[in-house]
C-alpha atoms as a PDB file:
ATOM      1  CA  MET A   1      19.571  33.128  14.703  1.00  0.00           C
ATOM      2  CA  ILE A   2      17.801  30.454  12.672  1.00  0.00           C
ATOM      3  CA  LEU A   3      20.295  27.834  13.868  1.00  0.00           C
ATOM      4  CA  VAL A   4      19.528  28.707  17.508  1.00  0.00           C
ATOM      5  CA  LEU A   5      15.784  28.434  16.879  1.00  0.00           C
ATOM      6  CA  ALA A   6      16.250  25.090  15.126  1.00  0.00           C
ATOM      7  CA  ILE A   7      18.297  23.732  18.040  1.00  0.00           C
ATOM      8  CA  LEU A   8      15.692  24.955  20.545  1.00  0.00           C
ATOM      9  CA  ALA A   9      12.911  23.394  18.469  1.00  0.00           C
ATOM     10  CA  MET A  10      14.696  20.040  18.315  1.00  0.00           C
ATOM     11  CA  GLY A  11      15.350  20.129  22.046  1.00  0.00           C
ATOM     12  CA  GLY A  12      11.706  20.947  22.736  1.00  0.00           C
ATOM     13  CA  ALA A  13      10.580  18.139  20.466  1.00  0.00           C
ATOM     14  CA  VAL A  14      12.842  15.628  22.185  1.00  0.00           C
ATOM     15  CA  LEU A  15      11.684  16.713  25.642  1.00  0.00           C
ATOM     16  CA  GLY A  16       8.031  16.720  24.556  1.00  0.00           C
ATOM     17  CA  VAL A  17       8.153  13.235  23.045  1.00  0.00           C
ATOM     18  CA  HIS A  18      10.083  11.882  26.034  1.00  0.00           C
ATOM     19  CA  ALA A  19       7.585  13.335  28.504  1.00  0.00           C
ATOM     20  CA  LEU A  20       4.554  12.280  26.473  1.00  0.00           C
ATOM     21  CA  LEU A  21       5.613   8.690  25.842  1.00  0.00           C
ATOM     22  CA  LEU A  22       7.420   7.844  29.083  1.00  0.00           C
ATOM     23  CA  GLY A  23       5.444   9.994  31.502  1.00  0.00           C
ATOM     24  CA  ARG A  24       8.509  11.498  33.169  1.00  0.00           C
ATOM     25  CA  MET A  25      10.930  14.340  32.605  1.00  0.00           C
ATOM     26  CA  PRO A  26      14.665  13.734  32.090  1.00  0.00           C
ATOM     27  CA  GLY A  27      17.345  15.420  34.157  1.00  0.00           C
ATOM     28  CA  ARG A  28      17.483  16.810  37.680  1.00  0.00           C
ATOM     29  CA  TRP A  29      15.405  19.992  37.770  1.00  0.00           C
ATOM     30  CA  PRO A  30      12.604  19.413  35.204  1.00  0.00           C
ATOM     31  CA  PRO A  31      10.996  16.621  37.275  1.00  0.00           C
ATOM     32  CA  ARG A  32      10.787  19.027  40.223  1.00  0.00           C
ATOM     33  CA  LEU A  33       9.076  21.702  38.121  1.00  0.00           C
ATOM     34  CA  VAL A  34       6.620  19.594  36.111  1.00  0.00           C
ATOM     35  CA  ARG A  35       3.874  17.715  37.962  1.00  0.00           C
ATOM     36  CA  GLN A  36       2.144  16.171  34.917  1.00  0.00           C
ATOM     37  CA  PRO A  37       4.790  15.344  32.302  1.00  0.00           C
ATOM     38  CA  ARG A  38       2.331  13.931  29.747  1.00  0.00           C
ATOM     39  CA  LEU A  39       0.324  17.176  29.683  1.00  0.00           C
ATOM     40  CA  TRP A  40       3.537  19.155  29.455  1.00  0.00           C
ATOM     41  CA  GLY A  41       4.830  16.999  26.596  1.00  0.00           C
ATOM     42  CA  ALA A  42       1.608  17.311  24.633  1.00  0.00           C
ATOM     43  CA  GLY A  43       1.700  21.074  25.096  1.00  0.00           C
ATOM     44  CA  ALA A  44       5.326  21.312  24.005  1.00  0.00           C
ATOM     45  CA  LEU A  45       4.593  19.368  20.833  1.00  0.00           C
ATOM     46  CA  LEU A  46       1.537  21.516  20.080  1.00  0.00           C
ATOM     47  CA  VAL A  47       3.617  24.673  20.470  1.00  0.00           C
ATOM     48  CA  LEU A  48       6.120  23.315  17.956  1.00  0.00           C
ATOM     49  CA  VAL A  49       3.356  22.322  15.520  1.00  0.00           C
ATOM     50  CA  SER A  50       1.741  25.752  15.868  1.00  0.00           C
ATOM     51  CA  TRP A  51       5.056  27.398  15.053  1.00  0.00           C
ATOM     52  CA  ASP A  52       5.290  25.408  11.822  1.00  0.00           C
ATOM     53  CA  ALA A  53       1.590  25.853  10.939  1.00  0.00           C
ATOM     54  CA  ARG A  54       1.513  29.531  12.058  1.00  0.00           C
ATOM     55  CA  SER A  55      -1.634  28.898  14.074  1.00  0.00           C
ATOM     56  CA  LEU A  56      -2.330  31.077  17.101  1.00  0.00           C
ATOM     57  CA  SER A  57      -5.101  28.796  18.347  1.00  0.00           C
ATOM     58  CA  LEU A  58      -2.752  25.786  18.501  1.00  0.00           C
ATOM     59  CA  LEU A  59      -0.189  27.977  20.240  1.00  0.00           C
ATOM     60  CA  ALA A  60      -2.746  29.007  22.868  1.00  0.00           C
ATOM     61  CA  VAL A  61      -3.800  25.397  23.496  1.00  0.00           C
ATOM     62  CA  GLY A  62      -0.165  24.289  23.701  1.00  0.00           C
ATOM     63  CA  VAL A  63       0.777  27.006  26.187  1.00  0.00           C
ATOM     64  CA  GLY A  64      -2.311  26.125  28.224  1.00  0.00           C
ATOM     65  CA  LEU A  65      -1.314  22.455  28.349  1.00  0.00           C
ATOM     66  CA  ILE A  66       2.221  23.380  29.391  1.00  0.00           C
ATOM     67  CA  ALA A  67       0.803  25.521  32.196  1.00  0.00           C
ATOM     68  CA  LEU A  68      -1.501  22.690  33.288  1.00  0.00           C
ATOM     69  CA  GLY A  69       1.479  20.333  33.300  1.00  0.00           C
ATOM     70  CA  HIS A  70       3.135  22.604  35.857  1.00  0.00           C
ATOM     71  CA  VAL A  71       0.063  23.205  38.028  1.00  0.00           C
ATOM     72  CA  VAL A  72      -2.154  20.078  38.108  1.00  0.00           C
ATOM     73  CA  LYS A  73      -1.361  17.680  40.934  1.00  0.00           C
ATOM     74  CA  PRO A  74      -0.892  13.968  40.144  1.00  0.00           C
ATOM     75  CA  ALA A  75      -3.979  11.800  40.512  1.00  0.00           C
ATOM     76  CA  CYS A  76      -2.422   9.237  42.870  1.00  0.00           C
END
């Protein structure tokens, strides 16, 4: 169980850093689901940090940023 959580955490970290730094999502279906990859990436990283710090407020902010990354339309 811990190995599965560690693999999921590493995958989330890689996706979050990729989206935050490059401004796009890798693969075929994530770019269709996420409208603002930088917001999504920041939220994914905050969720991972909140898991390590055991902070519910960081978790709430991270989940909110992930939701905004799916909903907010691009500026241009």
